[in-house]
Amino acid sequence: MYRIVIILGLSMVLFSCGNDAGNEVNDEMLIQDTTVSEKTTEFRAINDLLKKDINNSTLYLRRAKLYVKYKDVTSAVNDLDRAIKVDSLIPEYYLLKAELLKGQDKLKESKEALDQCMYIDNENITARIELGWLALISRNHKQALDYADAVLKRDVHSAEAYYLKGMIFNDKGDTVRAISSFATAVEQENDYFEAYIQLGLLHYDEPNTLSKEYFKNALRIDSNNLEALYAFGMICQESGDYNEAIETYYKILSIHEYREPHFNLGFIHHEYLKVYDVAIEHYTNAIKIEPKYIDAYYNRALCYEQRDELEKAETDLRYALKLNPQYTEAALVLERVLNQR
């Protein structure tokens, strides 16, 4: 008996993502990181412009974006409010404010900003799309679909509206219509990365190569995306394309070191290739990253057993049982190992 790690809880982010002290920035408050010199210079420049033109809404927008750059969302929203106070008829101010508030999980306030945007520009497609996402987050599927359909009435080629519909249908469990919507999204926009990811996930369990091709398309757009790389590696692994899986996992590790690619590399060398020394090395690397990685201890023990290194196998199995006394498989293998000594 063995265990394999499969991570397919690949969640898609629906949306991107101060110091209210008047119109000036205290430069001493900016000295927080290695970018302090650049940061201080940028704020000083825009503050100097605002001193000369305190009612320039565009300057408040520029400073808001600068706050966003340095992850000060509260100050960014405050500056957007100042921009709106100066000129309340610019949709961009409301859209950015809504995005930032949504990133803080202030969904009610985000919707209010979008409603204000719609009030001054009822044909604003971006605002309708964002309202649709907010409705989806609230699990109001009907309202979300209404917003998406309203966009498509104005722009039948809107890839994002089709993608939104796909996410709505997927959330409702209507896989057929979700796939249809995602497919239409990539027809309208051939480089729609998120739609390819969703199509790959929805076809993952099917006995065909569609899922693999969808993830290949996603990687064509972003070759270093860890989510797409990991899913592609898993598909290769499960379909027996071990060399491609190994190559993909190594690429992941060259970008970011984390435990699952090491575990899966260990599993391939252990279960399929029977190269136990390499498998042990990867399980050990996974344990170094996560010292309580119970399945890595269990699988490494199986490799030690195959190499007749029974004392090491016993040590790993006992530690796995220490982590989880109810780990039945580990207890059974420990009994077997002890009987061989």
C-alpha atoms as a PDB file:
ATOM      1  CA  MET A   1       0.000   0.000   0.000  1.00  0.00           C
ATOM      2  CA  TYR A   2       1.293   3.467  -0.797  1.00  0.00           C
ATOM      3  CA  ARG A   3       0.109   7.008  -0.897  1.00  0.00           C
ATOM      4  CA  ILE A   4       0.334   9.583  -3.637  1.00  0.00           C
ATOM      5  CA  VAL A   5      -0.238  13.294  -3.275  1.00  0.00           C
ATOM      6  CA  ILE A   6      -2.596  14.899  -5.776  1.00  0.00           C
ATOM      7  CA  ILE A   7      -3.312  18.593  -5.502  1.00  0.00           C
ATOM      8  CA  LEU A   8      -6.134  19.733  -7.694  1.00  0.00           C
ATOM      9  CA  GLY A   9      -7.673  22.314  -5.426  1.00  0.00           C
ATOM     10  CA  LEU A  10      -6.400  24.866  -7.868  1.00  0.00           C
ATOM     11  CA  SER A  11      -8.411  27.904  -7.075  1.00  0.00           C
ATOM     12  CA  MET A  12      -8.744  30.730  -9.562  1.00  0.00           C
ATOM     13  CA  VAL A  13      -8.576  34.283  -8.245  1.00  0.00           C
ATOM     14  CA  LEU A  14     -11.720  36.100  -9.255  1.00  0.00           C
ATOM     15  CA  PHE A  15     -10.270  39.564  -8.767  1.00  0.00           C
ATOM     16  CA  SER A  16      -6.894  41.298  -8.517  1.00  0.00           C
ATOM     17  CA  CYS A  17      -6.141  43.260  -5.949  1.00  0.00           C
ATOM     18  CA  GLY A  18      -3.220  54.425   4.801  1.00  0.00           C
ATOM     19  CA  ASN A  19      -2.515  56.682   6.338  1.00  0.00           C
ATOM     20  CA  ASP A  20      -5.029  59.518   5.887  1.00  0.00           C
ATOM     21  CA  ALA A  21      -2.946  62.513   6.849  1.00  0.00           C
ATOM     22  CA  GLY A  22      -4.216  65.077   4.410  1.00  0.00           C
ATOM     23  CA  ASN A  23      -2.525  65.761   1.121  1.00  0.00           C
ATOM     24  CA  GLU A  24       1.086  65.302   2.210  1.00  0.00           C
ATOM     25  CA  VAL A  25       3.069  62.160   2.969  1.00  0.00           C
ATOM     26  CA  ASN A  26       5.385  61.943   5.967  1.00  0.00           C
ATOM     27  CA  ASP A  27       8.599  60.696   4.362  1.00  0.00           C
ATOM     28  CA  GLU A  28       9.788  59.180   7.641  1.00  0.00           C
ATOM     29  CA  MET A  29       6.833  56.769   7.519  1.00  0.00           C
ATOM     30  CA  LEU A  30       8.040  55.531   4.160  1.00  0.00           C
ATOM     31  CA  ILE A  31      11.367  54.219   5.462  1.00  0.00           C
ATOM     32  CA  GLN A  32      10.268  50.591   5.756  1.00  0.00           C
ATOM     33  CA  ASP A  33      12.141  48.528   3.189  1.00  0.00           C
ATOM     34  CA  THR A  34      15.022  48.405   0.744  1.00  0.00           C
ATOM     35  CA  THR A  35      13.073  50.486  -1.776  1.00  0.00           C
ATOM     36  CA  VAL A  36      12.881  53.440   0.632  1.00  0.00           C
ATOM     37  CA  SER A  37      14.909  55.820  -1.537  1.00  0.00           C
ATOM     38  CA  GLU A  38      12.860  55.168  -4.668  1.00  0.00           C
ATOM     39  CA  LYS A  39       9.635  55.163  -2.678  1.00  0.00           C
ATOM     40  CA  THR A  40      10.371  58.450  -0.934  1.00  0.00           C
ATOM     41  CA  THR A  41      11.382  60.088  -4.194  1.00  0.00           C
ATOM     42  CA  GLU A  42       8.204  58.955  -5.947  1.00  0.00           C
ATOM     43  CA  PHE A  43       5.925  60.232  -3.200  1.00  0.00           C
ATOM     44  CA  ARG A  44       7.838  63.487  -2.819  1.00  0.00           C
ATOM     45  CA  ALA A  45       7.499  64.190  -6.541  1.00  0.00           C
ATOM     46  CA  ILE A  46       3.750  63.697  -6.634  1.00  0.00           C
ATOM     47  CA  ASN A  47       3.224  65.533  -3.333  1.00  0.00           C
ATOM     48  CA  ASP A  48       5.080  68.523  -4.753  1.00  0.00           C
ATOM     49  CA  LEU A  49       2.706  68.516  -7.715  1.00  0.00           C
ATOM     50  CA  LEU A  50      -0.317  68.323  -5.405  1.00  0.00           C
ATOM     51  CA  LYS A  51       0.928  71.289  -3.369  1.00  0.00           C
ATOM     52  CA  LYS A  52       0.777  73.337  -6.553  1.00  0.00           C
ATOM     53  CA  ASP A  53      -2.570  71.910  -7.722  1.00  0.00           C
ATOM     54  CA  ILE A  54      -4.475  70.540  -4.743  1.00  0.00           C
ATOM     55  CA  ASN A  55      -7.708  70.070  -6.704  1.00  0.00           C
ATOM     56  CA  ASN A  56      -6.236  67.933  -9.465  1.00  0.00           C
ATOM     57  CA  SER A  57      -8.131  64.638  -9.361  1.00  0.00           C
ATOM     58  CA  THR A  58      -5.715  62.948 -11.772  1.00  0.00           C
ATOM     59  CA  LEU A  59      -2.856  63.515  -9.326  1.00  0.00           C
ATOM     60  CA  TYR A  60      -4.837  61.855  -6.539  1.00  0.00           C
ATOM     61  CA  LEU A  61      -5.399  58.895  -8.853  1.00  0.00           C
ATOM     62  CA  ARG A  62      -1.664  58.709  -9.591  1.00  0.00           C
ATOM     63  CA  ARG A  63      -0.859  58.791  -5.883  1.00  0.00           C
ATOM     64  CA  ALA A  64      -3.523  56.157  -5.198  1.00  0.00           C
ATOM     65  CA  LYS A  65      -1.835  53.858  -7.718  1.00  0.00           C
ATOM     66  CA  LEU A  66       1.489  54.578  -6.040  1.00  0.00           C
ATOM     67  CA  TYR A  67      -0.004  53.530  -2.701  1.00  0.00           C
ATOM     68  CA  VAL A  68      -1.232  50.342  -4.357  1.00  0.00           C
ATOM     69  CA  LYS A  69       2.281  49.698  -5.635  1.00  0.00           C
ATOM     70  CA  TYR A  70       3.544  49.828  -2.056  1.00  0.00           C
ATOM     71  CA  LYS A  71       0.584  47.828  -0.699  1.00  0.00           C
ATOM     72  CA  ASP A  72      -1.031  50.649   1.275  1.00  0.00           C
ATOM     73  CA  VAL A  73      -4.618  50.011   0.240  1.00  0.00           C
ATOM     74  CA  THR A  74      -6.233  52.192   2.895  1.00  0.00           C
ATOM     75  CA  SER A  75      -4.343  55.281   1.751  1.00  0.00           C
ATOM     76  CA  ALA A  76      -5.080  54.410  -1.880  1.00  0.00           C
ATOM     77  CA  VAL A  77      -8.819  54.321  -1.191  1.00  0.00           C
ATOM     78  CA  ASN A  78      -8.576  57.608   0.697  1.00  0.00           C
ATOM     79  CA  ASP A  79      -6.924  59.258  -2.305  1.00  0.00           C
ATOM     80  CA  LEU A  80      -9.559  57.829  -4.635  1.00  0.00           C
ATOM     81  CA  ASP A  81     -12.214  59.387  -2.418  1.00  0.00           C
ATOM     82  CA  ARG A  82     -10.377  62.702  -2.749  1.00  0.00           C
ATOM     83  CA  ALA A  83     -10.288  62.288  -6.524  1.00  0.00           C
ATOM     84  CA  ILE A  84     -14.026  61.553  -6.578  1.00  0.00           C
ATOM     85  CA  LYS A  85     -14.715  64.596  -4.395  1.00  0.00           C
ATOM     86  CA  VAL A  86     -12.916  66.751  -6.949  1.00  0.00           C
ATOM     87  CA  ASP A  87     -14.464  65.076 -10.010  1.00  0.00           C
ATOM     88  CA  SER A  88     -17.276  62.599  -9.394  1.00  0.00           C
ATOM     89  CA  LEU A  89     -17.884  61.745 -13.056  1.00  0.00           C
ATOM     90  CA  ILE A  90     -14.799  59.618 -13.820  1.00  0.00           C
ATOM     91  CA  PRO A  91     -15.640  55.866 -13.920  1.00  0.00           C
ATOM     92  CA  GLU A  92     -11.998  54.817 -13.456  1.00  0.00           C
ATOM     93  CA  TYR A  93     -11.961  56.185  -9.910  1.00  0.00           C
ATOM     94  CA  TYR A  94     -14.925  54.047  -8.852  1.00  0.00           C
ATOM     95  CA  LEU A  95     -13.628  50.937 -10.621  1.00  0.00           C
ATOM     96  CA  LEU A  96     -10.247  51.045  -8.892  1.00  0.00           C
ATOM     97  CA  LYS A  97     -11.865  51.803  -5.551  1.00  0.00           C
ATOM     98  CA  ALA A  98     -14.220  48.834  -5.977  1.00  0.00           C
ATOM     99  CA  GLU A  99     -11.315  46.551  -6.845  1.00  0.00           C
ATOM    100  CA  LEU A 100      -9.334  47.594  -3.792  1.00  0.00           C
ATOM    101  CA  LEU A 101     -12.292  47.251  -1.436  1.00  0.00           C
ATOM    102  CA  LYS A 102     -13.098  43.825  -2.820  1.00  0.00           C
ATOM    103  CA  GLY A 103      -9.502  42.814  -2.182  1.00  0.00           C
ATOM    104  CA  GLN A 104     -10.122  43.692   1.485  1.00  0.00           C
ATOM    105  CA  ASP A 105     -13.316  41.582   1.495  1.00  0.00           C
ATOM    106  CA  LYS A 106     -15.405  44.742   1.824  1.00  0.00           C
ATOM    107  CA  LEU A 107     -17.906  43.440  -0.686  1.00  0.00           C
ATOM    108  CA  LYS A 108     -20.779  45.751   0.259  1.00  0.00           C
ATOM    109  CA  GLU A 109     -18.611  48.849  -0.104  1.00  0.00           C
ATOM    110  CA  SER A 110     -17.178  47.498  -3.347  1.00  0.00           C
ATOM    111  CA  LYS A 111     -20.669  47.043  -4.780  1.00  0.00           C
ATOM    112  CA  GLU A 112     -21.611  50.570  -3.718  1.00  0.00           C
ATOM    113  CA  ALA A 113     -18.642  51.945  -5.667  1.00  0.00           C
ATOM    114  CA  LEU A 114     -19.629  49.923  -8.731  1.00  0.00           C
ATOM    115  CA  ASP A 115     -23.246  51.063  -8.448  1.00  0.00           C
ATOM    116  CA  GLN A 116     -22.014  54.657  -8.407  1.00  0.00           C
ATOM    117  CA  CYS A 117     -19.963  53.923 -11.512  1.00  0.00           C
ATOM    118  CA  MET A 118     -23.049  52.513 -13.227  1.00  0.00           C
ATOM    119  CA  TYR A 119     -25.064  55.554 -12.190  1.00  0.00           C
ATOM    120  CA  ILE A 120     -22.727  57.880 -14.078  1.00  0.00           C
ATOM    121  CA  ASP A 121     -22.041  55.415 -16.933  1.00  0.00           C
ATOM    122  CA  ASN A 122     -24.810  52.855 -17.375  1.00  0.00           C
ATOM    123  CA  GLU A 123     -23.036  51.261 -20.360  1.00  0.00           C
ATOM    124  CA  ASN A 124     -19.830  50.551 -18.473  1.00  0.00           C
ATOM    125  CA  ILE A 125     -18.981  46.939 -19.290  1.00  0.00           C
ATOM    126  CA  THR A 126     -16.193  46.607 -16.724  1.00  0.00           C
ATOM    127  CA  ALA A 127     -18.509  47.642 -13.903  1.00  0.00           C
ATOM    128  CA  ARG A 128     -21.120  45.074 -14.994  1.00  0.00           C
ATOM    129  CA  ILE A 129     -18.494  42.334 -15.092  1.00  0.00           C
ATOM    130  CA  GLU A 130     -17.249  43.254 -11.619  1.00  0.00           C
ATOM    131  CA  LEU A 131     -20.813  43.317 -10.274  1.00  0.00           C
ATOM    132  CA  GLY A 132     -21.229  39.847 -11.737  1.00  0.00           C
ATOM    133  CA  TRP A 133     -18.145  38.615  -9.862  1.00  0.00           C
ATOM    134  CA  LEU A 134     -19.448  40.088  -6.622  1.00  0.00           C
ATOM    135  CA  ALA A 135     -22.780  38.350  -7.161  1.00  0.00           C
ATOM    136  CA  LEU A 136     -20.960  35.077  -7.767  1.00  0.00           C
ATOM    137  CA  ILE A 137     -18.952  35.481  -4.558  1.00  0.00           C
ATOM    138  CA  SER A 138     -22.284  35.930  -2.768  1.00  0.00           C
ATOM    139  CA  ARG A 139     -23.549  32.767  -4.547  1.00  0.00           C
ATOM    140  CA  ASN A 140     -26.321  34.768  -6.200  1.00  0.00           C
ATOM    141  CA  HIS A 141     -26.085  32.840  -9.471  1.00  0.00           C
ATOM    142  CA  LYS A 142     -29.120  34.387 -11.132  1.00  0.00           C
ATOM    143  CA  GLN A 143     -27.935  37.932 -10.556  1.00  0.00           C
ATOM    144  CA  ALA A 144     -24.417  37.031 -11.670  1.00  0.00           C
ATOM    145  CA  LEU A 145     -25.756  35.530 -14.908  1.00  0.00           C
ATOM    146  CA  ASP A 146     -27.919  38.596 -15.465  1.00  0.00           C
ATOM    147  CA  TYR A 147     -24.840  40.820 -15.289  1.00  0.00           C
ATOM    148  CA  ALA A 148     -22.872  38.546 -17.644  1.00  0.00           C
ATOM    149  CA  ASP A 149     -25.732  38.398 -20.151  1.00  0.00           C
ATOM    150  CA  ALA A 150     -26.137  42.175 -19.975  1.00  0.00           C
ATOM    151  CA  VAL A 151     -22.489  42.516 -20.978  1.00  0.00           C
ATOM    152  CA  LEU A 152     -22.923  40.081 -23.877  1.00  0.00           C
ATOM    153  CA  LYS A 153     -25.887  42.085 -25.163  1.00  0.00           C
ATOM    154  CA  ARG A 154     -23.519  45.025 -25.474  1.00  0.00           C
ATOM    155  CA  ASP A 155     -20.466  43.043 -26.591  1.00  0.00           C
ATOM    156  CA  VAL A 156     -21.110  39.552 -27.916  1.00  0.00           C
ATOM    157  CA  HIS A 157     -17.358  38.927 -28.131  1.00  0.00           C
ATOM    158  CA  SER A 158     -16.592  39.626 -24.453  1.00  0.00           C
ATOM    159  CA  ALA A 159     -14.318  36.757 -23.409  1.00  0.00           C
ATOM    160  CA  GLU A 160     -14.498  37.788 -19.763  1.00  0.00           C
ATOM    161  CA  ALA A 161     -18.296  37.606 -19.778  1.00  0.00           C
ATOM    162  CA  TYR A 162     -18.144  34.035 -21.106  1.00  0.00           C
ATOM    163  CA  TYR A 163     -15.490  33.199 -18.536  1.00  0.00           C
ATOM    164  CA  LEU A 164     -17.690  34.637 -15.785  1.00  0.00           C
ATOM    165  CA  LYS A 165     -20.587  32.489 -17.011  1.00  0.00           C
ATOM    166  CA  GLY A 166     -18.314  29.466 -16.963  1.00  0.00           C
ATOM    167  CA  MET A 167     -17.400  30.120 -13.342  1.00  0.00           C
ATOM    168  CA  ILE A 168     -21.068  30.581 -12.447  1.00  0.00           C
ATOM    169  CA  PHE A 169     -22.113  27.310 -14.101  1.00  0.00           C
ATOM    170  CA  ASN A 170     -19.159  25.529 -12.524  1.00  0.00           C
ATOM    171  CA  ASP A 171     -20.166  26.808  -9.092  1.00  0.00           C
ATOM    172  CA  LYS A 172     -23.692  25.527  -9.756  1.00  0.00           C
ATOM    173  CA  GLY A 173     -22.331  22.104 -10.714  1.00  0.00           C
ATOM    174  CA  ASP A 174     -23.415  22.427 -14.351  1.00  0.00           C
ATOM    175  CA  THR A 175     -20.224  21.074 -15.906  1.00  0.00           C
ATOM    176  CA  VAL A 176     -21.518  20.886 -19.484  1.00  0.00           C
ATOM    177  CA  ARG A 177     -22.465  24.543 -19.665  1.00  0.00           C
ATOM    178  CA  ALA A 178     -19.333  25.545 -17.750  1.00  0.00           C
ATOM    179  CA  ILE A 179     -17.141  23.826 -20.346  1.00  0.00           C
ATOM    180  CA  SER A 180     -19.127  25.419 -23.170  1.00  0.00           C
ATOM    181  CA  SER A 181     -18.685  28.884 -21.678  1.00  0.00           C
ATOM    182  CA  PHE A 182     -14.954  28.472 -21.057  1.00  0.00           C
ATOM    183  CA  ALA A 183     -14.497  27.128 -24.591  1.00  0.00           C
ATOM    184  CA  THR A 184     -16.295  30.174 -25.992  1.00  0.00           C
ATOM    185  CA  ALA A 185     -14.074  32.421 -23.882  1.00  0.00           C
ATOM    186  CA  VAL A 186     -10.911  30.998 -25.503  1.00  0.00           C
ATOM    187  CA  GLU A 187     -12.553  31.234 -28.935  1.00  0.00           C
ATOM    188  CA  GLN A 188     -12.980  34.945 -28.338  1.00  0.00           C
ATOM    189  CA  GLU A 189      -9.548  35.394 -26.750  1.00  0.00           C
ATOM    190  CA  ASN A 190      -6.978  32.780 -27.678  1.00  0.00           C
ATOM    191  CA  ASP A 191      -4.637  33.731 -24.819  1.00  0.00           C
ATOM    192  CA  TYR A 192      -7.185  33.505 -22.012  1.00  0.00           C
ATOM    193  CA  PHE A 193      -4.982  31.742 -19.468  1.00  0.00           C
ATOM    194  CA  GLU A 194      -7.596  31.276 -16.723  1.00  0.00           C
ATOM    195  CA  ALA A 195     -10.106  29.729 -19.128  1.00  0.00           C
ATOM    196  CA  TYR A 196      -7.561  27.123 -20.259  1.00  0.00           C
ATOM    197  CA  ILE A 197      -6.855  26.268 -16.613  1.00  0.00           C
ATOM    198  CA  GLN A 198     -10.546  25.748 -15.909  1.00  0.00           C
ATOM    199  CA  LEU A 199     -10.981  23.608 -19.034  1.00  0.00           C
ATOM    200  CA  GLY A 200      -7.998  21.514 -17.996  1.00  0.00           C
ATOM    201  CA  LEU A 201      -9.426  20.969 -14.523  1.00  0.00           C
ATOM    202  CA  LEU A 202     -12.901  20.102 -15.798  1.00  0.00           C
ATOM    203  CA  HIS A 203     -11.489  17.452 -18.164  1.00  0.00           C
ATOM    204  CA  TYR A 204      -8.974  16.131 -15.648  1.00  0.00           C
ATOM    205  CA  ASP A 205     -10.690  12.831 -14.837  1.00  0.00           C
ATOM    206  CA  GLU A 206     -11.600  11.985 -18.413  1.00  0.00           C
ATOM    207  CA  PRO A 207      -9.660   9.209 -20.220  1.00  0.00           C
ATOM    208  CA  ASN A 208      -8.404  11.456 -23.010  1.00  0.00           C
ATOM    209  CA  THR A 209      -5.684  13.984 -23.711  1.00  0.00           C
ATOM    210  CA  LEU A 210      -7.911  17.067 -23.688  1.00  0.00           C
ATOM    211  CA  SER A 211      -6.905  18.105 -20.186  1.00  0.00           C
ATOM    212  CA  LYS A 212      -3.222  17.823 -21.060  1.00  0.00           C
ATOM    213  CA  GLU A 213      -3.701  19.970 -24.179  1.00  0.00           C
ATOM    214  CA  TYR A 214      -5.572  22.652 -22.250  1.00  0.00           C
ATOM    215  CA  PHE A 215      -2.778  22.912 -19.695  1.00  0.00           C
ATOM    216  CA  LYS A 216      -0.252  23.000 -22.544  1.00  0.00           C
ATOM    217  CA  ASN A 217      -2.119  25.997 -23.922  1.00  0.00           C
ATOM    218  CA  ALA A 218      -2.032  27.637 -20.492  1.00  0.00           C
ATOM    219  CA  LEU A 219       1.726  27.051 -20.337  1.00  0.00           C
ATOM    220  CA  ARG A 220       2.088  28.465 -23.836  1.00  0.00           C
ATOM    221  CA  ILE A 221       0.776  31.712 -22.372  1.00  0.00           C
ATOM    222  CA  ASP A 222       2.651  31.550 -19.061  1.00  0.00           C
ATOM    223  CA  SER A 223       5.378  28.894 -19.105  1.00  0.00           C
ATOM    224  CA  ASN A 224       6.360  29.470 -15.473  1.00  0.00           C
ATOM    225  CA  ASN A 225       2.921  29.356 -13.885  1.00  0.00           C
ATOM    226  CA  LEU A 226       3.182  26.945 -10.951  1.00  0.00           C
ATOM    227  CA  GLU A 227      -0.507  26.048 -10.966  1.00  0.00           C
ATOM    228  CA  ALA A 228      -0.476  25.013 -14.611  1.00  0.00           C
ATOM    229  CA  LEU A 229       2.884  23.271 -14.294  1.00  0.00           C
ATOM    230  CA  TYR A 230       1.794  21.200 -11.319  1.00  0.00           C
ATOM    231  CA  ALA A 231      -1.475  20.144 -12.941  1.00  0.00           C
ATOM    232  CA  PHE A 232       0.354  19.277 -16.170  1.00  0.00           C
ATOM    233  CA  GLY A 233       2.905  17.246 -14.214  1.00  0.00           C
ATOM    234  CA  MET A 234       0.151  15.337 -12.441  1.00  0.00           C
ATOM    235  CA  ILE A 235      -1.590  14.509 -15.731  1.00  0.00           C
ATOM    236  CA  CYS A 236       1.684  13.250 -17.217  1.00  0.00           C
ATOM    237  CA  GLN A 237       2.342  11.199 -14.098  1.00  0.00           C
ATOM    238  CA  GLU A 238      -1.081   9.592 -14.038  1.00  0.00           C
ATOM    239  CA  SER A 239      -1.010   8.841 -17.767  1.00  0.00           C
ATOM    240  CA  GLY A 240       2.390   7.154 -17.523  1.00  0.00           C
ATOM    241  CA  ASP A 241       4.435   9.920 -19.182  1.00  0.00           C
ATOM    242  CA  TYR A 242       6.993   9.745 -16.405  1.00  0.00           C
ATOM    243  CA  ASN A 243       9.852  11.498 -18.183  1.00  0.00           C
ATOM    244  CA  GLU A 244       7.644  14.487 -18.980  1.00  0.00           C
ATOM    245  CA  ALA A 245       6.292  14.491 -15.426  1.00  0.00           C
ATOM    246  CA  ILE A 246       9.810  14.409 -13.970  1.00  0.00           C
ATOM    247  CA  GLU A 247      10.936  17.232 -16.250  1.00  0.00           C
ATOM    248  CA  THR A 248       7.911  19.304 -15.244  1.00  0.00           C
ATOM    249  CA  TYR A 249       8.434  18.787 -11.505  1.00  0.00           C
ATOM    250  CA  TYR A 250      12.086  19.760 -11.808  1.00  0.00           C
ATOM    251  CA  LYS A 251      11.069  22.919 -13.622  1.00  0.00           C
ATOM    252  CA  ILE A 252       8.681  23.740 -10.775  1.00  0.00           C
ATOM    253  CA  LEU A 253      11.473  23.266  -8.247  1.00  0.00           C
ATOM    254  CA  SER A 254      13.740  25.565 -10.257  1.00  0.00           C
ATOM    255  CA  ILE A 255      11.103  28.280  -9.834  1.00  0.00           C
ATOM    256  CA  HIS A 256       9.958  27.580  -6.296  1.00  0.00           C
ATOM    257  CA  GLU A 257      11.005  24.941  -3.791  1.00  0.00           C
ATOM    258  CA  TYR A 258       8.025  23.280  -2.147  1.00  0.00           C
ATOM    259  CA  ARG A 259       7.179  19.832  -0.889  1.00  0.00           C
ATOM    260  CA  GLU A 260       4.690  18.314  -3.352  1.00  0.00           C
ATOM    261  CA  PRO A 261       6.945  18.171  -6.441  1.00  0.00           C
ATOM    262  CA  HIS A 262       9.616  16.475  -4.321  1.00  0.00           C
ATOM    263  CA  PHE A 263       7.053  14.008  -2.994  1.00  0.00           C
ATOM    264  CA  ASN A 264       5.762  13.197  -6.457  1.00  0.00           C
ATOM    265  CA  LEU A 265       9.280  12.808  -7.833  1.00  0.00           C
ATOM    266  CA  GLY A 266       9.886  10.404  -4.975  1.00  0.00           C
ATOM    267  CA  PHE A 267       6.691   8.540  -5.784  1.00  0.00           C
ATOM    268  CA  ILE A 268       7.535   8.140  -9.485  1.00  0.00           C
ATOM    269  CA  HIS A 269      11.004   6.779  -8.734  1.00  0.00           C
ATOM    270  CA  HIS A 270       9.646   4.617  -5.935  1.00  0.00           C
ATOM    271  CA  GLU A 271       6.477   3.097  -7.338  1.00  0.00           C
ATOM    272  CA  TYR A 272       7.043   3.140 -11.088  1.00  0.00           C
ATOM    273  CA  LEU A 273      10.794   3.259 -11.782  1.00  0.00           C
ATOM    274  CA  LYS A 274      11.932   1.280  -8.705  1.00  0.00           C
ATOM    275  CA  VAL A 275      14.936   3.564  -8.260  1.00  0.00           C
ATOM    276  CA  TYR A 276      14.760   3.655  -4.488  1.00  0.00           C
ATOM    277  CA  ASP A 277      17.840   5.748  -3.732  1.00  0.00           C
ATOM    278  CA  VAL A 278      16.508   8.622  -5.869  1.00  0.00           C
ATOM    279  CA  ALA A 279      13.064   8.197  -4.334  1.00  0.00           C
ATOM    280  CA  ILE A 280      14.543   8.392  -0.822  1.00  0.00           C
ATOM    281  CA  GLU A 281      16.410  11.564  -1.763  1.00  0.00           C
ATOM    282  CA  HIS A 282      13.212  13.277  -2.898  1.00  0.00           C
ATOM    283  CA  TYR A 283      11.146  12.112   0.075  1.00  0.00           C
ATOM    284  CA  THR A 284      13.934  13.440   2.299  1.00  0.00           C
ATOM    285  CA  ASN A 285      13.836  16.799   0.514  1.00  0.00           C
ATOM    286  CA  ALA A 286      10.080  16.951   1.043  1.00  0.00           C
ATOM    287  CA  ILE A 287      10.597  16.266   4.751  1.00  0.00           C
ATOM    288  CA  LYS A 288      13.232  19.004   4.995  1.00  0.00           C
ATOM    289  CA  ILE A 289      10.648  21.455   3.702  1.00  0.00           C
ATOM    290  CA  GLU A 290       7.855  20.040   5.879  1.00  0.00           C
ATOM    291  CA  PRO A 291       9.293  18.173   8.902  1.00  0.00           C
ATOM    292  CA  LYS A 292       5.883  16.699   9.779  1.00  0.00           C
ATOM    293  CA  TYR A 293       5.094  15.443   6.271  1.00  0.00           C
ATOM    294  CA  ILE A 294       3.669  12.143   7.427  1.00  0.00           C
ATOM    295  CA  ASP A 295       3.148  10.526   4.004  1.00  0.00           C
ATOM    296  CA  ALA A 296       6.750  11.256   3.039  1.00  0.00           C
ATOM    297  CA  TYR A 297       7.945   9.368   6.140  1.00  0.00           C
ATOM    298  CA  TYR A 298       5.641   6.467   5.283  1.00  0.00           C
ATOM    299  CA  ASN A 299       6.705   6.253   1.640  1.00  0.00           C
ATOM    300  CA  ARG A 300      10.377   6.649   2.528  1.00  0.00           C
ATOM    301  CA  ALA A 301      10.022   3.764   4.961  1.00  0.00           C
ATOM    302  CA  LEU A 302       8.681   1.598   2.127  1.00  0.00           C
ATOM    303  CA  CYS A 303      11.782   2.450   0.085  1.00  0.00           C
ATOM    304  CA  TYR A 304      14.059   1.615   3.012  1.00  0.00           C
ATOM    305  CA  GLU A 305      12.252  -1.688   3.359  1.00  0.00           C
ATOM    306  CA  GLN A 306      12.871  -2.474  -0.312  1.00  0.00           C
ATOM    307  CA  ARG A 307      16.580  -1.736   0.219  1.00  0.00           C
ATOM    308  CA  ASP A 308      16.570  -3.987   3.313  1.00  0.00           C
ATOM    309  CA  GLU A 309      17.438  -1.016   5.511  1.00  0.00           C
ATOM    310  CA  LEU A 310      14.953  -2.140   8.126  1.00  0.00           C
ATOM    311  CA  GLU A 311      16.199  -0.035  11.015  1.00  0.00           C
ATOM    312  CA  LYS A 312      15.700   3.165   8.997  1.00  0.00           C
ATOM    313  CA  ALA A 313      12.289   1.918   7.867  1.00  0.00           C
ATOM    314  CA  GLU A 314      11.319   1.277  11.486  1.00  0.00           C
ATOM    315  CA  THR A 315      12.442   4.764  12.526  1.00  0.00           C
ATOM    316  CA  ASP A 316      10.335   6.440   9.836  1.00  0.00           C
ATOM    317  CA  LEU A 317       7.282   4.318  10.567  1.00  0.00           C
ATOM    318  CA  ARG A 318       7.470   4.989  14.298  1.00  0.00           C
ATOM    319  CA  TYR A 319       7.730   8.710  13.647  1.00  0.00           C
ATOM    320  CA  ALA A 320       4.749   8.563  11.289  1.00  0.00           C
ATOM    321  CA  LEU A 321       2.778   6.818  14.030  1.00  0.00           C
ATOM    322  CA  LYS A 322       3.926   9.420  16.535  1.00  0.00           C
ATOM    323  CA  LEU A 323       2.472  12.086  14.261  1.00  0.00           C
ATOM    324  CA  ASN A 324      -0.715  10.085  13.776  1.00  0.00           C
ATOM    325  CA  PRO A 325      -1.311   7.138  16.132  1.00  0.00           C
ATOM    326  CA  GLN A 326      -4.315   6.147  13.995  1.00  0.00           C
ATOM    327  CA  TYR A 327      -2.201   5.661  10.862  1.00  0.00           C
ATOM    328  CA  THR A 328      -3.281   2.061  10.250  1.00  0.00           C
ATOM    329  CA  GLU A 329      -1.163   1.492   7.137  1.00  0.00           C
ATOM    330  CA  ALA A 330       1.986   2.575   8.944  1.00  0.00           C
ATOM    331  CA  ALA A 331       1.201   0.270  11.868  1.00  0.00           C
ATOM    332  CA  LEU A 332       0.734  -2.711   9.540  1.00  0.00           C
ATOM    333  CA  VAL A 333       3.973  -2.042   7.675  1.00  0.00           C
ATOM    334  CA  LEU A 334       5.823  -1.549  10.984  1.00  0.00           C
ATOM    335  CA  GLU A 335       4.631  -4.984  12.122  1.00  0.00           C
ATOM    336  CA  ARG A 336       5.865  -6.463   8.849  1.00  0.00           C
ATOM    337  CA  VAL A 337       9.237  -4.744   9.154  1.00  0.00           C
ATOM    338  CA  LEU A 338       9.714  -5.921  12.741  1.00  0.00           C
ATOM    339  CA  ASN A 339       8.955  -9.501  11.699  1.00  0.00           C
ATOM    340  CA  GLN A 340      11.769  -9.295   9.133  1.00  0.00           C
ATOM    341  CA  ARG A 341      14.413  -8.222  11.651  1.00  0.00           C
END
